Amino acid sequence: MTSPTSWEFYKGFATKTLWINICTQNLERVAISINKWWKARYPTYKIRIVSKKEFELIKMQSEKKEQKNYSLVNIDAEYLIFAAIINQ
């Protein structure tokens, strides 16, 4: 089995996609390991092997969306608190 540092993954919850970047030149051994890992741990997810550049872009975009959603939740919570105070 290959070392865990020979590839990295990012899990897209909304799309149920595993984005994988292979960080080594020995693709055959890594491909076998990834396939076994994927089928055992995330059988319902799609798998996408991407370049380092695309992998980082996907992670950044997802983190921005999460931050935006978190900000909206905070705004909603602050509004509800404000509304509760006014209605007292």
Protein backbone atom coordinates (compact mmCIF):
# COMPACT_ATOMS: atom_id res chain seq x y z
CA MET A 1 0.00 0.00 0.00
CA THR A 2 1.25 3.51 -0.70
CA SER A 3 1.95 6.12 1.92
CA PRO A 4 -0.95 8.46 2.79
CA THR A 5 1.08 11.47 1.64
CA SER A 6 1.20 10.32 -1.99
CA TRP A 7 -2.28 11.74 -2.62
CA GLU A 8 -4.75 14.15 -1.04
CA PHE A 9 -8.50 14.50 -1.25
CA TYR A 10 -11.27 17.01 -0.69
CA LYS A 11 -14.85 15.91 -0.05
CA GLY A 12 -17.60 17.96 -1.73
CA PHE A 13 -20.67 17.46 0.45
CA ALA A 14 -23.23 19.14 -1.81
CA THR A 15 -22.19 17.30 -4.98
CA LYS A 16 -21.08 14.07 -3.23
CA THR A 17 -17.79 14.22 -5.11
CA LEU A 18 -14.30 13.28 -3.95
CA TRP A 19 -11.67 15.51 -5.56
CA ILE A 20 -8.28 13.78 -5.55
CA ASN A 21 -4.83 15.12 -6.35
CA ILE A 22 -2.04 12.57 -6.82
CA CYS A 23 1.27 13.90 -5.46
CA THR A 24 3.62 11.20 -6.77
CA GLN A 25 4.89 9.77 -10.05
CA ASN A 26 4.10 6.12 -9.20
CA LEU A 27 0.54 6.21 -10.51
CA GLU A 28 -0.15 2.47 -10.68
CA ARG A 29 0.27 1.75 -6.96
CA VAL A 30 -1.53 4.95 -5.99
CA ALA A 31 -4.45 4.25 -8.32
CA ILE A 32 -5.00 0.83 -6.76
CA SER A 33 -4.85 2.28 -3.24
CA ILE A 34 -7.24 5.12 -4.06
CA ASN A 35 -9.72 2.77 -5.68
CA LYS A 36 -9.76 0.43 -2.66
CA TRP A 37 -10.07 3.37 -0.24
CA TRP A 38 -12.84 5.01 -2.26
CA LYS A 39 -14.95 1.85 -2.60
CA ALA A 40 -14.58 1.05 1.10
CA ARG A 41 -15.15 4.49 2.64
CA TYR A 42 -17.21 6.54 0.15
CA PRO A 43 -19.05 4.16 -2.22
CA THR A 44 -21.88 6.64 -2.89
CA TYR A 45 -19.53 9.46 -3.92
CA LYS A 46 -18.24 10.21 -7.42
CA ILE A 47 -14.48 10.42 -7.78
CA ARG A 48 -12.52 13.00 -9.78
CA ILE A 49 -8.74 12.95 -10.20
CA VAL A 50 -7.52 16.50 -10.84
CA SER A 51 -4.30 18.49 -11.11
CA LYS A 52 -2.81 20.33 -8.15
CA LYS A 53 -3.94 23.68 -9.57
CA GLU A 54 -7.54 22.55 -10.07
CA PHE A 55 -7.55 20.84 -6.65
CA GLU A 56 -6.54 24.05 -4.87
CA LEU A 57 -9.10 26.05 -6.87
CA ILE A 58 -11.91 23.67 -5.87
CA LYS A 59 -10.91 23.85 -2.21
CA MET A 60 -10.78 27.67 -2.28
CA GLN A 61 -14.18 27.95 -3.97
CA SER A 62 -15.78 25.57 -1.48
CA GLU A 63 -14.27 27.39 1.49
CA LYS A 64 -15.56 30.72 0.15
CA LYS A 65 -19.07 29.25 -0.20
CA GLU A 66 -18.91 27.90 3.35
CA GLN A 67 -17.78 31.29 4.68
CA LYS A 68 -20.59 33.01 2.80
CA ASN A 69 -23.16 30.56 4.14
CA TYR A 70 -21.77 30.98 7.66
CA SER A 71 -22.03 34.76 7.32
CA LEU A 72 -25.65 34.48 6.22
CA VAL A 73 -26.43 32.26 9.20
CA ASN A 74 -24.83 34.83 11.53
CA ILE A 75 -26.83 37.64 9.94
CA ASP A 76 -30.05 35.64 10.34
CA ALA A 77 -29.22 34.85 13.96
CA GLU A 78 -28.46 38.50 14.71
CA TYR A 79 -31.73 39.53 13.05
CA LEU A 80 -33.70 37.00 15.12
CA ILE A 81 -32.08 38.24 18.33
CA PHE A 82 -32.79 41.84 17.34
CA ALA A 83 -36.41 41.00 16.46
CA ALA A 84 -36.87 39.18 19.78
CA ILE A 85 -35.56 42.20 21.70
CA ILE A 86 -37.85 44.60 19.82
CA ASN A 87 -40.91 42.40 20.33
CA GLN A 88 -40.45 42.18 24.12
